[in-house]
Amino acid sequence: LSETVIQFVVYEKMKLKYCEYSGRELNTLELLASASIAKLIASTATYPHEVIRTRLREQRNVIKYKGVFSGLGLIYKEEGLRGLYGGMGAHLMRVVPNAAIIFLTYELVVYYFGY
């Protein structure tokens, strides 16, 4: 599954559950929070995949990683979880606010233009 699919599914499920619980539509802050949490979950779930993709792509003369699954296993064996999630904090600082703004913009366009 891609990060975007996870993000959309989590976001829509959170909106639905909150509306059922509260009996009303989400306000702006709640929409921002829902989008941020959805992106946080999706990014955390898929970050190791991004790590191995980068390492596979950056290999030059010596081929250390032969594939996604064997590469993930090797990184975990040699570096532990730190190897799979290193740099994620900086990544989240960039992508979470961006996702929140994009989702809020989408919701406002749908609301004001009735799509």
PDB file of N, CA and C in Angstrom:
ATOM      1  N   LEU A   1       0.832  -1.199   0.000  1.00  0.00           N
ATOM      2  CA  LEU A   1       0.000   0.000   0.000  1.00  0.00           C
ATOM      3  C   LEU A   1       0.864   1.246   0.000  1.00  0.00           C
ATOM      4  N   SER A   2       0.404   2.239  -0.688  1.00  0.00           N
ATOM      5  CA  SER A   2       1.172   3.476  -0.724  1.00  0.00           C
ATOM      6  C   SER A   2       0.814   4.373   0.461  1.00  0.00           C
ATOM      7  N   GLU A   3       1.704   5.294   0.734  1.00  0.00           N
ATOM      8  CA  GLU A   3       1.489   6.230   1.830  1.00  0.00           C
ATOM      9  C   GLU A   3       0.218   7.041   1.619  1.00  0.00           C
ATOM     10  N   THR A   4      -0.030   7.436   0.392  1.00  0.00           N
ATOM     11  CA  THR A   4      -1.207   8.252   0.086  1.00  0.00           C
ATOM     12  C   THR A   4      -2.502   7.493   0.350  1.00  0.00           C
ATOM     13  N   VAL A   5      -2.541   6.235  -0.014  1.00  0.00           N
ATOM     14  CA  VAL A   5      -3.740   5.423   0.227  1.00  0.00           C
ATOM     15  C   VAL A   5      -4.004   5.318   1.728  1.00  0.00           C
ATOM     16  N   ILE A   6      -2.967   5.007   2.487  1.00  0.00           N
ATOM     17  CA  ILE A   6      -3.120   4.905   3.946  1.00  0.00           C
ATOM     18  C   ILE A   6      -3.595   6.239   4.512  1.00  0.00           C
ATOM     19  N   GLN A   7      -2.991   7.313   4.054  1.00  0.00           N
ATOM     20  CA  GLN A   7      -3.343   8.643   4.545  1.00  0.00           C
ATOM     21  C   GLN A   7      -4.812   8.963   4.289  1.00  0.00           C
ATOM     22  N   PHE A   8      -5.296   8.734   3.074  1.00  0.00           N
ATOM     23  CA  PHE A   8      -6.690   9.033   2.753  1.00  0.00           C
ATOM     24  C   PHE A   8      -7.660   8.165   3.543  1.00  0.00           C
ATOM     25  N   VAL A   9      -7.350   6.893   3.652  1.00  0.00           N
ATOM     26  CA  VAL A   9      -8.240   5.984   4.387  1.00  0.00           C
ATOM     27  C   VAL A   9      -8.322   6.386   5.857  1.00  0.00           C
ATOM     28  N   VAL A  10      -7.175   6.654   6.473  1.00  0.00           N
ATOM     29  CA  VAL A  10      -7.158   7.052   7.885  1.00  0.00           C
ATOM     30  C   VAL A  10      -7.886   8.377   8.074  1.00  0.00           C
ATOM     31  N   TYR A  11      -7.629   9.334   7.187  1.00  0.00           N
ATOM     32  CA  TYR A  11      -8.266  10.654   7.276  1.00  0.00           C
ATOM     33  C   TYR A  11      -9.792  10.540   7.182  1.00  0.00           C
ATOM     34  N   GLU A  12     -10.273   9.831   6.188  1.00  0.00           N
ATOM     35  CA  GLU A  12     -11.722   9.704   6.008  1.00  0.00           C
ATOM     36  C   GLU A  12     -12.359   8.935   7.161  1.00  0.00           C
ATOM     37  N   LYS A  13     -11.689   7.916   7.657  1.00  0.00           N
ATOM     38  CA  LYS A  13     -12.224   7.142   8.785  1.00  0.00           C
ATOM     39  C   LYS A  13     -12.270   8.008  10.047  1.00  0.00           C
ATOM     40  N   MET A  14     -11.233   8.818  10.270  1.00  0.00           N
ATOM     41  CA  MET A  14     -11.223   9.708  11.438  1.00  0.00           C
ATOM     42  C   MET A  14     -12.355  10.730  11.344  1.00  0.00           C
ATOM     43  N   LYS A  15     -12.547  11.303  10.167  1.00  0.00           N
ATOM     44  CA  LYS A  15     -13.636  12.269   9.987  1.00  0.00           C
ATOM     45  C   LYS A  15     -14.984  11.624  10.265  1.00  0.00           C
ATOM     46  N   LEU A  16     -15.190  10.452   9.707  1.00  0.00           N
ATOM     47  CA  LEU A  16     -16.458   9.748   9.879  1.00  0.00           C
ATOM     48  C   LEU A  16     -16.722   9.439  11.352  1.00  0.00           C
ATOM     49  N   LYS A  17     -15.726   8.893  12.028  1.00  0.00           N
ATOM     50  CA  LYS A  17     -15.898   8.528  13.445  1.00  0.00           C
ATOM     51  C   LYS A  17     -16.141   9.769  14.313  1.00  0.00           C
ATOM     52  N   TYR A  18     -15.426  10.854  14.017  1.00  0.00           N
ATOM     53  CA  TYR A  18     -15.614  12.068  14.809  1.00  0.00           C
ATOM     54  C   TYR A  18     -17.007  12.651  14.589  1.00  0.00           C
ATOM     55  N   CYS A  19     -17.467  12.651  13.347  1.00  0.00           N
ATOM     56  CA  CYS A  19     -18.812  13.169  13.056  1.00  0.00           C
ATOM     57  C   CYS A  19     -19.880  12.316  13.740  1.00  0.00           C
ATOM     58  N   GLU A  20     -19.694  10.999  13.726  1.00  0.00           N
ATOM     59  CA  GLU A  20     -20.642  10.115  14.408  1.00  0.00           C
ATOM     60  C   GLU A  20     -20.638  10.379  15.911  1.00  0.00           C
ATOM     61  N   TYR A  21     -19.459  10.567  16.477  1.00  0.00           N
ATOM     62  CA  TYR A  21     -19.314  10.779  17.910  1.00  0.00           C
ATOM     63  C   TYR A  21     -19.882  12.127  18.341  1.00  0.00           C
ATOM     64  N   SER A  22     -19.555  13.171  17.597  1.00  0.00           N
ATOM     65  CA  SER A  22     -19.941  14.524  18.011  1.00  0.00           C
ATOM     66  C   SER A  22     -21.303  14.952  17.469  1.00  0.00           C
ATOM     67  N   GLY A  23     -21.748  14.317  16.402  1.00  0.00           N
ATOM     68  CA  GLY A  23     -23.028  14.695  15.802  1.00  0.00           C
ATOM     69  C   GLY A  23     -22.962  15.977  14.988  1.00  0.00           C
ATOM     70  N   ARG A  24     -21.758  16.375  14.590  1.00  0.00           N
ATOM     71  CA  ARG A  24     -21.596  17.589  13.789  1.00  0.00           C
ATOM     72  C   ARG A  24     -20.401  17.448  12.863  1.00  0.00           C
ATOM     73  N   GLU A  25     -20.278  18.389  11.949  1.00  0.00           N
ATOM     74  CA  GLU A  25     -19.128  18.416  11.045  1.00  0.00           C
ATOM     75  C   GLU A  25     -17.892  18.915  11.794  1.00  0.00           C
ATOM     76  N   LEU A  26     -16.737  18.588  11.283  1.00  0.00           N
ATOM     77  CA  LEU A  26     -15.495  19.038  11.902  1.00  0.00           C
ATOM     78  C   LEU A  26     -15.252  20.513  11.601  1.00  0.00           C
ATOM     79  N   ASN A  27     -14.692  21.223  12.563  1.00  0.00           N
ATOM     80  CA  ASN A  27     -14.314  22.616  12.313  1.00  0.00           C
ATOM     81  C   ASN A  27     -12.897  22.648  11.725  1.00  0.00           C
ATOM     82  N   THR A  28     -12.403  23.824  11.439  1.00  0.00           N
ATOM     83  CA  THR A  28     -11.106  23.975  10.776  1.00  0.00           C
ATOM     84  C   THR A  28      -9.971  23.335  11.563  1.00  0.00           C
ATOM     85  N   LEU A  29      -9.910  23.593  12.845  1.00  0.00           N
ATOM     86  CA  LEU A  29      -8.843  23.020  13.666  1.00  0.00           C
ATOM     87  C   LEU A  29      -8.926  21.493  13.698  1.00  0.00           C
ATOM     88  N   GLU A  30     -10.122  20.965  13.769  1.00  0.00           N
ATOM     89  CA  GLU A  30     -10.304  19.509  13.785  1.00  0.00           C
ATOM     90  C   GLU A  30      -9.919  18.890  12.448  1.00  0.00           C
ATOM     91  N   LEU A  31     -10.211  19.576  11.349  1.00  0.00           N
ATOM     92  CA  LEU A  31      -9.795  19.094  10.036  1.00  0.00           C
ATOM     93  C   LEU A  31      -8.268  19.072   9.934  1.00  0.00           C
ATOM     94  N   LEU A  32      -7.631  20.149  10.405  1.00  0.00           N
ATOM     95  CA  LEU A  32      -6.166  20.203  10.390  1.00  0.00           C
ATOM     96  C   LEU A  32      -5.567  19.080  11.241  1.00  0.00           C
ATOM     97  N   ALA A  33      -6.136  18.867  12.408  1.00  0.00           N
ATOM     98  CA  ALA A  33      -5.644  17.810  13.296  1.00  0.00           C
ATOM     99  C   ALA A  33      -5.832  16.431  12.667  1.00  0.00           C
ATOM    100  N   SER A  34      -6.987  16.200  12.067  1.00  0.00           N
ATOM    101  CA  SER A  34      -7.247  14.905  11.430  1.00  0.00           C
ATOM    102  C   SER A  34      -6.282  14.646  10.291  1.00  0.00           C
ATOM    103  N   ALA A  35      -6.051  15.645   9.462  1.00  0.00           N
ATOM    104  CA  ALA A  35      -5.121  15.495   8.339  1.00  0.00           C
ATOM    105  C   ALA A  35      -3.698  15.264   8.847  1.00  0.00           C
ATOM    106  N   SER A  36      -3.322  15.977   9.900  1.00  0.00           N
ATOM    107  CA  SER A  36      -1.974  15.821  10.457  1.00  0.00           C
ATOM    108  C   SER A  36      -1.768  14.431  11.037  1.00  0.00           C
ATOM    109  N   ILE A  37      -2.732  13.959  11.779  1.00  0.00           N
ATOM    110  CA  ILE A  37      -2.629  12.626  12.383  1.00  0.00           C
ATOM    111  C   ILE A  37      -2.606  11.551  11.306  1.00  0.00           C
ATOM    112  N   ALA A  38      -3.438  11.706  10.282  1.00  0.00           N
ATOM    113  CA  ALA A  38      -3.464  10.738   9.189  1.00  0.00           C
ATOM    114  C   ALA A  38      -2.111  10.677   8.485  1.00  0.00           C
ATOM    115  N   LYS A  39      -1.524  11.829   8.227  1.00  0.00           N
ATOM    116  CA  LYS A  39      -0.216  11.858   7.567  1.00  0.00           C
ATOM    117  C   LYS A  39       0.861  11.281   8.469  1.00  0.00           C
ATOM    118  N   LEU A  40       0.795  11.575   9.749  1.00  0.00           N
ATOM    119  CA  LEU A  40       1.754  11.042  10.704  1.00  0.00           C
ATOM    120  C   LEU A  40       1.710   9.510  10.714  1.00  0.00           C
ATOM    121  N   ILE A  41       0.516   8.950  10.760  1.00  0.00           N
ATOM    122  CA  ILE A  41       0.348   7.494  10.761  1.00  0.00           C
ATOM    123  C   ILE A  41       0.859   6.894   9.455  1.00  0.00           C
ATOM    124  N   ALA A  42       0.450   7.482   8.332  1.00  0.00           N
ATOM    125  CA  ALA A  42       0.845   6.952   7.028  1.00  0.00           C
ATOM    126  C   ALA A  42       2.361   7.039   6.832  1.00  0.00           C
ATOM    127  N   SER A  43       2.950   8.144   7.211  1.00  0.00           N
ATOM    128  CA  SER A  43       4.399   8.310   7.050  1.00  0.00           C
ATOM    129  C   SER A  43       5.173   7.358   7.940  1.00  0.00           C
ATOM    130  N   THR A  44       4.722   7.176   9.159  1.00  0.00           N
ATOM    131  CA  THR A  44       5.394   6.261  10.078  1.00  0.00           C
ATOM    132  C   THR A  44       5.320   4.825   9.569  1.00  0.00           C
ATOM    133  N   ALA A  45       4.177   4.458   9.020  1.00  0.00           N
ATOM    134  CA  ALA A  45       3.994   3.093   8.516  1.00  0.00           C
ATOM    135  C   ALA A  45       4.853   2.807   7.288  1.00  0.00           C
ATOM    136  N   THR A  46       5.086   3.810   6.472  1.00  0.00           N
ATOM    137  CA  THR A  46       5.772   3.578   5.203  1.00  0.00           C
ATOM    138  C   THR A  46       7.210   4.088   5.155  1.00  0.00           C
ATOM    139  N   TYR A  47       7.689   4.708   6.221  1.00  0.00           N
ATOM    140  CA  TYR A  47       9.035   5.287   6.187  1.00  0.00           C
ATOM    141  C   TYR A  47      10.141   4.266   5.917  1.00  0.00           C
ATOM    142  N   PRO A  48      10.098   3.066   6.513  1.00  0.00           N
ATOM    143  CA  PRO A  48      11.146   2.091   6.182  1.00  0.00           C
ATOM    144  C   PRO A  48      11.218   1.785   4.681  1.00  0.00           C
ATOM    145  N   HIS A  49      10.089   1.790   4.021  1.00  0.00           N
ATOM    146  CA  HIS A  49      10.075   1.575   2.565  1.00  0.00           C
ATOM    147  C   HIS A  49      10.826   2.693   1.853  1.00  0.00           C
ATOM    148  N   GLU A  50      10.649   3.923   2.331  1.00  0.00           N
ATOM    149  CA  GLU A  50      11.374   5.060   1.738  1.00  0.00           C
ATOM    150  C   GLU A  50      12.879   4.922   1.975  1.00  0.00           C
ATOM    151  N   VAL A  51      13.256   4.446   3.150  1.00  0.00           N
ATOM    152  CA  VAL A  51      14.673   4.256   3.469  1.00  0.00           C
ATOM    153  C   VAL A  51      15.300   3.254   2.511  1.00  0.00           C
ATOM    154  N   ILE A  52      14.672   2.097   2.346  1.00  0.00           N
ATOM    155  CA  ILE A  52      15.270   1.077   1.477  1.00  0.00           C
ATOM    156  C   ILE A  52      15.241   1.513   0.015  1.00  0.00           C
ATOM    157  N   ARG A  53      14.203   2.208  -0.407  1.00  0.00           N
ATOM    158  CA  ARG A  53      14.184   2.712  -1.789  1.00  0.00           C
ATOM    159  C   ARG A  53      15.356   3.648  -2.043  1.00  0.00           C
ATOM    160  N   THR A  54      15.618   4.528  -1.096  1.00  0.00           N
ATOM    161  CA  THR A  54      16.739   5.459  -1.239  1.00  0.00           C
ATOM    162  C   THR A  54      18.064   4.709  -1.279  1.00  0.00           C
ATOM    163  N   ARG A  55      18.229   3.759  -0.399  1.00  0.00           N
ATOM    164  CA  ARG A  55      19.497   3.012  -0.359  1.00  0.00           C
ATOM    165  C   ARG A  55      19.686   2.165  -1.611  1.00  0.00           C
ATOM    166  N   LEU A  56      18.622   1.563  -2.110  1.00  0.00           N
ATOM    167  CA  LEU A  56      18.729   0.797  -3.349  1.00  0.00           C
ATOM    168  C   LEU A  56      19.117   1.707  -4.516  1.00  0.00           C
ATOM    169  N   ARG A  57      18.534   2.862  -4.566  1.00  0.00           N
ATOM    170  CA  ARG A  57      18.781   3.813  -5.654  1.00  0.00           C
ATOM    171  C   ARG A  57      20.199   4.371  -5.606  1.00  0.00           C
ATOM    172  N   GLU A  58      20.743   4.563  -4.399  1.00  0.00           N
ATOM    173  CA  GLU A  58      22.041   5.200  -4.238  1.00  0.00           C
ATOM    174  C   GLU A  58      23.221   4.239  -4.322  1.00  0.00           C
ATOM    175  N   GLN A  59      22.963   2.955  -4.477  1.00  0.00           N
ATOM    176  CA  GLN A  59      24.063   1.994  -4.600  1.00  0.00           C
ATOM    177  C   GLN A  59      24.826   2.259  -5.889  1.00  0.00           C
ATOM    178  N   ARG A  60      26.131   2.204  -5.815  1.00  0.00           N
ATOM    179  CA  ARG A  60      26.948   2.430  -7.013  1.00  0.00           C
ATOM    180  C   ARG A  60      27.761   1.188  -7.360  1.00  0.00           C
ATOM    181  N   ASN A  61      28.961   1.095  -6.861  1.00  0.00           N
ATOM    182  CA  ASN A  61      29.870   0.017  -7.245  1.00  0.00           C
ATOM    183  C   ASN A  61      29.613  -1.285  -6.493  1.00  0.00           C
ATOM    184  N   VAL A  62      29.386  -1.181  -5.197  1.00  0.00           N
ATOM    185  CA  VAL A  62      29.161  -2.368  -4.375  1.00  0.00           C
ATOM    186  C   VAL A  62      27.660  -2.500  -4.129  1.00  0.00           C
ATOM    187  N   ILE A  63      27.102  -3.634  -4.504  1.00  0.00           N
ATOM    188  CA  ILE A  63      25.673  -3.891  -4.315  1.00  0.00           C
ATOM    189  C   ILE A  63      25.482  -4.582  -2.967  1.00  0.00           C
ATOM    190  N   LYS A  64      24.999  -3.822  -1.993  1.00  0.00           N
ATOM    191  CA  LYS A  64      24.779  -4.352  -0.652  1.00  0.00           C
ATOM    192  C   LYS A  64      23.338  -4.834  -0.485  1.00  0.00           C
ATOM    193  N   TYR A  65      22.402  -4.114  -1.084  1.00  0.00           N
ATOM    194  CA  TYR A  65      20.981  -4.436  -0.946  1.00  0.00           C
ATOM    195  C   TYR A  65      20.476  -4.999  -2.268  1.00  0.00           C
ATOM    196  N   LYS A  66      19.940  -6.223  -2.211  1.00  0.00           N
ATOM    197  CA  LYS A  66      19.509  -6.901  -3.435  1.00  0.00           C
ATOM    198  C   LYS A  66      18.030  -6.694  -3.741  1.00  0.00           C
ATOM    199  N   GLY A  67      17.238  -6.377  -2.728  1.00  0.00           N
ATOM    200  CA  GLY A  67      15.812  -6.176  -2.918  1.00  0.00           C
ATOM    201  C   GLY A  67      15.214  -5.499  -1.700  1.00  0.00           C
ATOM    202  N   VAL A  68      13.933  -5.211  -1.781  1.00  0.00           N
ATOM    203  CA  VAL A  68      13.268  -4.470  -0.708  1.00  0.00           C
ATOM    204  C   VAL A  68      13.252  -5.262   0.590  1.00  0.00           C
ATOM    205  N   PHE A  69      12.745  -6.470   0.553  1.00  0.00           N
ATOM    206  CA  PHE A  69      12.587  -7.230   1.798  1.00  0.00           C
ATOM    207  C   PHE A  69      13.928  -7.658   2.395  1.00  0.00           C
ATOM    208  N   SER A  70      14.830  -8.141   1.546  1.00  0.00           N
ATOM    209  CA  SER A  70      16.144  -8.528   2.069  1.00  0.00           C
ATOM    210  C   SER A  70      16.891  -7.293   2.570  1.00  0.00           C
ATOM    211  N   GLY A  71      16.715  -6.159   1.901  1.00  0.00           N
ATOM    212  CA  GLY A  71      17.340  -4.910   2.328  1.00  0.00           C
ATOM    213  C   GLY A  71      16.809  -4.434   3.659  1.00  0.00           C
ATOM    214  N   LEU A  72      15.493  -4.490   3.834  1.00  0.00           N
ATOM    215  CA  LEU A  72      14.899  -4.102   5.116  1.00  0.00           C
ATOM    216  C   LEU A  72      15.427  -4.992   6.236  1.00  0.00           C
ATOM    217  N   GLY A  73      15.513  -6.293   5.963  1.00  0.00           N
ATOM    218  CA  GLY A  73      16.042  -7.222   6.965  1.00  0.00           C
ATOM    219  C   GLY A  73      17.486  -6.929   7.313  1.00  0.00           C
ATOM    220  N   LEU A  74      18.284  -6.616   6.304  1.00  0.00           N
ATOM    221  CA  LEU A  74      19.696  -6.316   6.537  1.00  0.00           C
ATOM    222  C   LEU A  74      19.873  -5.021   7.325  1.00  0.00           C
ATOM    223  N   ILE A  75      19.105  -4.013   6.981  1.00  0.00           N
ATOM    224  CA  ILE A  75      19.176  -2.748   7.723  1.00  0.00           C
ATOM    225  C   ILE A  75      18.791  -2.977   9.181  1.00  0.00           C
ATOM    226  N   TYR A  76      17.698  -3.718   9.399  1.00  0.00           N
ATOM    227  CA  TYR A  76      17.261  -3.990  10.770  1.00  0.00           C
ATOM    228  C   TYR A  76      18.321  -4.782  11.541  1.00  0.00           C
ATOM    229  N   LYS A  77      18.916  -5.773  10.880  1.00  0.00           N
ATOM    230  CA  LYS A  77      19.933  -6.604  11.525  1.00  0.00           C
ATOM    231  C   LYS A  77      21.174  -5.791  11.891  1.00  0.00           C
ATOM    232  N   GLU A  78      21.614  -4.924  10.986  1.00  0.00           N
ATOM    233  CA  GLU A  78      22.849  -4.169  11.206  1.00  0.00           C
ATOM    234  C   GLU A  78      22.648  -2.899  12.027  1.00  0.00           C
ATOM    235  N   GLU A  79      21.487  -2.239  11.862  1.00  0.00           N
ATOM    236  CA  GLU A  79      21.297  -0.920  12.469  1.00  0.00           C
ATOM    237  C   GLU A  79      20.112  -0.834  13.425  1.00  0.00           C
ATOM    238  N   GLY A  80      19.271  -1.845  13.432  1.00  0.00           N
ATOM    239  CA  GLY A  80      18.085  -1.834  14.286  1.00  0.00           C
ATOM    240  C   GLY A  80      17.018  -0.872  13.768  1.00  0.00           C
ATOM    241  N   LEU A  81      16.067  -0.555  14.626  1.00  0.00           N
ATOM    242  CA  LEU A  81      14.990   0.358  14.243  1.00  0.00           C
ATOM    243  C   LEU A  81      15.513   1.741  13.888  1.00  0.00           C
ATOM    244  N   ARG A  82      16.613   2.122  14.508  1.00  0.00           N
ATOM    245  CA  ARG A  82      17.209   3.429  14.214  1.00  0.00           C
ATOM    246  C   ARG A  82      17.570   3.551  12.732  1.00  0.00           C
ATOM    247  N   GLY A  83      18.021   2.468  12.156  1.00  0.00           N
ATOM    248  CA  GLY A  83      18.360   2.469  10.737  1.00  0.00           C
ATOM    249  C   GLY A  83      17.141   2.607   9.848  1.00  0.00           C
ATOM    250  N   LEU A  84      16.034   2.016  10.280  1.00  0.00           N
ATOM    251  CA  LEU A  84      14.803   2.076   9.487  1.00  0.00           C
ATOM    252  C   LEU A  84      14.064   3.400   9.642  1.00  0.00           C
ATOM    253  N   TYR A  85      14.255   4.057  10.777  1.00  0.00           N
ATOM    254  CA  TYR A  85      13.509   5.284  11.046  1.00  0.00           C
ATOM    255  C   TYR A  85      14.395   6.517  11.216  1.00  0.00           C
ATOM    256  N   GLY A  86      15.686   6.397  10.957  1.00  0.00           N
ATOM    257  CA  GLY A  86      16.588   7.542  11.068  1.00  0.00           C
ATOM    258  C   GLY A  86      16.193   8.642  10.089  1.00  0.00           C
ATOM    259  N   GLY A  87      16.127   9.856  10.562  1.00  0.00           N
ATOM    260  CA  GLY A  87      15.756  10.985   9.713  1.00  0.00           C
ATOM    261  C   GLY A  87      14.272  11.225   9.592  1.00  0.00           C
ATOM    262  N   MET A  88      13.476  10.390  10.236  1.00  0.00           N
ATOM    263  CA  MET A  88      12.024  10.525  10.106  1.00  0.00           C
ATOM    264  C   MET A  88      11.504  11.806  10.747  1.00  0.00           C
ATOM    265  N   GLY A  89      12.134  12.251  11.824  1.00  0.00           N
ATOM    266  CA  GLY A  89      11.682  13.484  12.484  1.00  0.00           C
ATOM    267  C   GLY A  89      11.708  14.663  11.528  1.00  0.00           C
ATOM    268  N   ALA A  90      12.813  14.816  10.825  1.00  0.00           N
ATOM    269  CA  ALA A  90      12.919  15.911   9.847  1.00  0.00           C
ATOM    270  C   ALA A  90      11.914  15.734   8.715  1.00  0.00           C
ATOM    271  N   HIS A  91      11.730  14.507   8.290  1.00  0.00           N
ATOM    272  CA  HIS A  91      10.748  14.212   7.238  1.00  0.00           C
ATOM    273  C   HIS A  91       9.346  14.614   7.682  1.00  0.00           C
ATOM    274  N   LEU A  92       8.979  14.255   8.913  1.00  0.00           N
ATOM    275  CA  LEU A  92       7.642  14.580   9.418  1.00  0.00           C
ATOM    276  C   LEU A  92       7.444  16.085   9.568  1.00  0.00           C
ATOM    277  N   MET A  93       8.491  16.785   9.942  1.00  0.00           N
ATOM    278  CA  MET A  93       8.394  18.250  10.077  1.00  0.00           C
ATOM    279  C   MET A  93       8.067  18.910   8.737  1.00  0.00           C
ATOM    280  N   ARG A  94       8.422  18.252   7.665  1.00  0.00           N
ATOM    281  CA  ARG A  94       8.155  18.792   6.333  1.00  0.00           C
ATOM    282  C   ARG A  94       6.795  18.349   5.792  1.00  0.00           C
ATOM    283  N   VAL A  95       6.470  17.062   5.930  1.00  0.00           N
ATOM    284  CA  VAL A  95       5.287  16.537   5.246  1.00  0.00           C
ATOM    285  C   VAL A  95       3.983  16.696   6.013  1.00  0.00           C
ATOM    286  N   VAL A  96       4.025  16.687   7.349  1.00  0.00           N
ATOM    287  CA  VAL A  96       2.779  16.774   8.119  1.00  0.00           C
ATOM    288  C   VAL A  96       2.092  18.137   7.939  1.00  0.00           C
ATOM    289  N   PRO A  97       2.803  19.255   8.107  1.00  0.00           N
ATOM    290  CA  PRO A  97       2.129  20.547   7.875  1.00  0.00           C
ATOM    291  C   PRO A  97       1.636  20.698   6.435  1.00  0.00           C
ATOM    292  N   ASN A  98       2.418  20.204   5.501  1.00  0.00           N
ATOM    293  CA  ASN A  98       2.017  20.269   4.094  1.00  0.00           C
ATOM    294  C   ASN A  98       0.711  19.511   3.859  1.00  0.00           C
ATOM    295  N   ALA A  99       0.598  18.313   4.396  1.00  0.00           N
ATOM    296  CA  ALA A  99      -0.611  17.508   4.236  1.00  0.00           C
ATOM    297  C   ALA A  99      -1.807  18.186   4.897  1.00  0.00           C
ATOM    298  N   ALA A 100      -1.595  18.761   6.064  1.00  0.00           N
ATOM    299  CA  ALA A 100      -2.689  19.439   6.761  1.00  0.00           C
ATOM    300  C   ALA A 100      -3.233  20.591   5.913  1.00  0.00           C
ATOM    301  N   ILE A 101      -2.356  21.364   5.324  1.00  0.00           N
ATOM    302  CA  ILE A 101      -2.776  22.494   4.489  1.00  0.00           C
ATOM    303  C   ILE A 101      -3.493  22.006   3.231  1.00  0.00           C
ATOM    304  N   ILE A 102      -2.963  20.978   2.599  1.00  0.00           N
ATOM    305  CA  ILE A 102      -3.591  20.447   1.378  1.00  0.00           C
ATOM    306  C   ILE A 102      -4.976  19.902   1.674  1.00  0.00           C
ATOM    307  N   PHE A 103      -5.129  19.123   2.728  1.00  0.00           N
ATOM    308  CA  PHE A 103      -6.430  18.554   3.063  1.00  0.00           C
ATOM    309  C   PHE A 103      -7.426  19.638   3.459  1.00  0.00           C
ATOM    310  N   LEU A 104      -6.979  20.629   4.215  1.00  0.00           N
ATOM    311  CA  LEU A 104      -7.876  21.730   4.585  1.00  0.00           C
ATOM    312  C   LEU A 104      -8.319  22.489   3.337  1.00  0.00           C
ATOM    313  N   THR A 105      -7.399  22.748   2.439  1.00  0.00           N
ATOM    314  CA  THR A 105      -7.744  23.435   1.189  1.00  0.00           C
ATOM    315  C   THR A 105      -8.783  22.639   0.408  1.00  0.00           C
ATOM    316  N   TYR A 106      -8.578  21.344   0.315  1.00  0.00           N
ATOM    317  CA  TYR A 106      -9.539  20.478  -0.366  1.00  0.00           C
ATOM    318  C   TYR A 106     -10.923  20.583   0.283  1.00  0.00           C
ATOM    319  N   GLU A 107     -10.964  20.467   1.604  1.00  0.00           N
ATOM    320  CA  GLU A 107     -12.246  20.523   2.319  1.00  0.00           C
ATOM    321  C   GLU A 107     -12.937  21.874   2.125  1.00  0.00           C
ATOM    322  N   LEU A 108     -12.186  22.962   2.127  1.00  0.00           N
ATOM    323  CA  LEU A 108     -12.773  24.288   1.938  1.00  0.00           C
ATOM    324  C   LEU A 108     -13.297  24.475   0.518  1.00  0.00           C
ATOM    325  N   VAL A 109     -12.574  23.968  -0.465  1.00  0.00           N
ATOM    326  CA  VAL A 109     -13.053  24.044  -1.852  1.00  0.00           C
ATOM    327  C   VAL A 109     -14.351  23.259  -2.000  1.00  0.00           C
ATOM    328  N   VAL A 110     -14.379  22.061  -1.452  1.00  0.00           N
ATOM    329  CA  VAL A 110     -15.603  21.248  -1.519  1.00  0.00           C
ATOM    330  C   VAL A 110     -16.747  21.960  -0.823  1.00  0.00           C
ATOM    331  N   TYR A 111     -16.496  22.541   0.334  1.00  0.00           N
ATOM    332  CA  TYR A 111     -17.534  23.221   1.095  1.00  0.00           C
ATOM    333  C   TYR A 111     -18.067  24.451   0.366  1.00  0.00           C
ATOM    334  N   TYR A 112     -17.174  25.306  -0.097  1.00  0.00           N
ATOM    335  CA  TYR A 112     -17.598  26.582  -0.686  1.00  0.00           C
ATOM    336  C   TYR A 112     -18.104  26.454  -2.124  1.00  0.00           C
ATOM    337  N   PHE A 113     -17.626  25.467  -2.851  1.00  0.00           N
ATOM    338  CA  PHE A 113     -18.053  25.318  -4.243  1.00  0.00           C
ATOM    339  C   PHE A 113     -19.004  24.159  -4.454  1.00  0.00           C
ATOM    340  N   GLY A 114     -19.300  23.441  -3.385  1.00  0.00           N
ATOM    341  CA  GLY A 114     -20.329  22.406  -3.417  1.00  0.00           C
ATOM    342  C   GLY A 114     -20.022  21.204  -4.282  1.00  0.00           C
ATOM    343  N   TYR A 115     -18.759  20.831  -4.398  1.00  0.00           N
ATOM    344  CA  TYR A 115     -18.407  19.655  -5.202  1.00  0.00           C
ATOM    345  C   TYR A 115     -18.540  18.407  -4.412  1.00  0.00           C
TER     346      TYR A 115
END
